[in-house]
Amino acid sequence: QVQLVESGGGLVQAGGSLRLSCAASGRNFINYVMAWFRQAPGKEREFVAAIGWVPSDTNYADSVKGRFTISRDNAKNTVYLQINSLKAEDTAVYYCAAGYGTSTLNWWGQGTQVTVSS
C-alpha cells in the first residue's frame, strides 16, 4: 500500500511560480512511475506530467510543456512539480499518483489546490 500526500498549493498571481511536492510512504518508491494530474472546476481530471524510474524519463501534456517540470528524489520518496509562468487556466486541484505504469496508477493523493489570480 502506498500513501501519497501532496503539498505546496496555494493562491498565486498569474506569471508566478509554485513547486508542488508529493511525499510517498511505503516501500519501493523507486519502482513506481509517478504522475501529476489536475482537475479544474467543472472539468474532467487531466494528465499533466509523469516520470519513470529513470528521472530523465519524463512526459508532459502539451498544454504544460516548457512551463512545468516534474522531478523525483528517490532518497526522499518525493516527486515534485515545478510550475512556472502560471496562467489562470492552471487553476485546479493537482493530484499525485503512483503505479507501475501510466496506465496502472493504483494510488492517488487527496490533491492540493492551485489558484491563479489574474
Protein backbone atom coordinates (compact mmCIF):
# COMPACT_ATOMS: atom_id res chain seq x y z
CA GLN A 1 0.00 0.00 0.00
CA VAL A 2 1.25 3.47 -0.89
CA GLN A 3 0.05 6.69 0.66
CA LEU A 4 0.61 9.95 -1.18
CA VAL A 5 0.42 13.40 0.39
CA GLU A 6 0.59 16.49 -1.77
CA SER A 7 1.62 19.93 -0.58
CA GLY A 8 2.70 23.27 -1.97
CA GLY A 9 -0.51 24.53 -3.48
CA GLY A 10 -1.87 27.99 -2.87
CA LEU A 11 -3.00 31.28 -4.33
CA VAL A 12 -0.57 32.89 -6.73
CA GLN A 13 -0.71 35.67 -9.26
CA ALA A 14 -0.54 34.98 -12.97
CA GLY A 15 3.06 34.73 -14.08
CA GLY A 16 4.19 33.40 -10.73
CA SER A 17 5.62 30.03 -9.77
CA LEU A 18 4.88 27.20 -7.39
CA ARG A 19 6.52 23.93 -6.52
CA LEU A 20 4.23 21.10 -5.60
CA SER A 21 5.51 18.16 -3.61
CA CYS A 22 4.16 14.67 -3.21
CA ALA A 23 5.56 12.55 -0.41
CA ALA A 24 5.08 8.81 -0.68
CA SER A 25 5.02 6.32 2.14
CA GLY A 26 5.75 2.66 1.80
CA ARG A 27 8.49 0.71 0.16
CA ASN A 28 9.83 0.53 -3.32
CA PHE A 29 9.20 4.14 -4.28
CA ILE A 30 11.97 3.87 -6.84
CA ASN A 31 9.97 1.21 -8.69
CA TYR A 32 6.94 3.40 -9.26
CA VAL A 33 6.01 5.63 -12.12
CA MET A 34 4.85 8.89 -10.60
CA ALA A 35 2.44 11.29 -12.22
CA TRP A 36 0.59 14.52 -11.70
CA PHE A 37 -2.96 15.14 -12.81
CA ARG A 38 -5.23 18.12 -12.33
CA GLN A 39 -8.93 18.79 -12.25
CA ALA A 40 -10.34 22.23 -12.87
CA PRO A 41 -13.83 23.20 -11.73
CA GLY A 42 -16.44 21.64 -13.96
CA LYS A 43 -13.89 19.68 -15.97
CA GLU A 44 -12.59 16.15 -16.03
CA ARG A 45 -9.32 15.17 -14.46
CA GLU A 46 -6.49 15.52 -16.96
CA PHE A 47 -2.93 14.26 -17.21
CA VAL A 48 -0.20 16.80 -16.53
CA ALA A 49 3.14 15.01 -16.29
CA ALA A 50 4.77 11.70 -15.48
CA ILE A 51 8.22 10.48 -14.54
CA GLY A 52 9.57 6.98 -14.75
CA TRP A 53 12.06 5.01 -12.73
CA VAL A 54 14.81 6.85 -14.51
CA PRO A 55 14.47 10.54 -13.63
CA SER A 56 15.20 11.60 -17.19
CA ASP A 57 12.19 9.63 -18.43
CA THR A 58 9.52 12.31 -18.37
CA ASN A 59 6.34 13.02 -20.27
CA TYR A 60 4.17 16.14 -20.33
CA ALA A 61 0.79 17.25 -21.56
CA ASP A 62 1.17 19.63 -24.49
CA SER A 63 -0.57 22.37 -22.52
CA VAL A 64 2.19 22.50 -19.90
CA LYS A 65 5.33 21.76 -21.89
CA GLY A 66 8.00 24.36 -21.30
CA ARG A 67 6.36 25.66 -18.11
CA PHE A 68 6.08 22.58 -15.88
CA THR A 69 8.91 20.34 -14.74
CA ILE A 70 8.44 17.03 -12.98
CA SER A 71 11.27 15.57 -10.94
CA ARG A 72 11.80 13.00 -8.23
CA ASP A 73 14.08 12.45 -5.27
CA ASN A 74 14.15 8.74 -4.60
CA ALA A 75 16.10 9.21 -1.37
CA LYS A 76 13.22 11.29 -0.01
CA ASN A 77 10.39 9.30 -1.61
CA THR A 78 9.16 12.55 -3.09
CA VAL A 79 8.09 13.75 -6.51
CA TYR A 80 7.89 17.41 -7.41
CA LEU A 81 6.11 19.55 -9.94
CA GLN A 82 7.69 22.92 -10.63
CA ILE A 83 5.15 25.23 -12.21
CA ASN A 84 6.33 28.44 -13.83
CA SER A 85 4.57 31.23 -15.72
CA LEU A 86 1.28 30.32 -14.13
CA LYS A 87 -1.88 31.10 -16.04
CA ALA A 88 -5.47 31.43 -14.89
CA GLU A 89 -6.28 28.19 -16.72
CA ASP A 90 -3.82 26.35 -14.47
CA THR A 91 -6.27 26.80 -11.60
CA ALA A 92 -7.19 23.30 -10.47
CA VAL A 93 -6.77 20.68 -7.82
CA TYR A 94 -3.50 18.90 -8.52
CA TYR A 95 -3.26 15.20 -7.74
CA CYS A 96 -0.26 12.96 -7.38
CA ALA A 97 -0.49 9.35 -8.50
CA ALA A 98 1.76 6.29 -8.36
CA GLY A 99 1.82 2.95 -10.09
CA TYR A 100 3.77 0.53 -12.21
CA GLY A 101 2.93 2.39 -15.37
CA THR A 102 0.96 5.41 -16.50
CA SER A 103 -1.93 3.13 -17.39
CA THR A 104 -1.84 1.43 -13.99
CA LEU A 105 -1.77 4.24 -11.47
CA ASN A 106 -3.09 2.45 -8.43
CA TRP A 107 -2.56 5.04 -5.74
CA TRP A 108 -3.72 8.63 -5.56
CA GLY A 109 -3.28 11.50 -3.16
CA GLN A 110 -6.02 13.80 -1.89
CA GLY A 111 -4.93 16.73 -4.00
CA THR A 112 -3.66 20.25 -3.43
CA GLN A 113 -5.44 23.36 -4.68
CA VAL A 114 -3.68 25.76 -7.01
CA THR A 115 -5.48 29.03 -7.68
CA VAL A 116 -4.08 31.57 -10.11
CA SER A 117 -5.37 35.12 -9.93
CA SER A 118 -5.23 37.33 -12.98
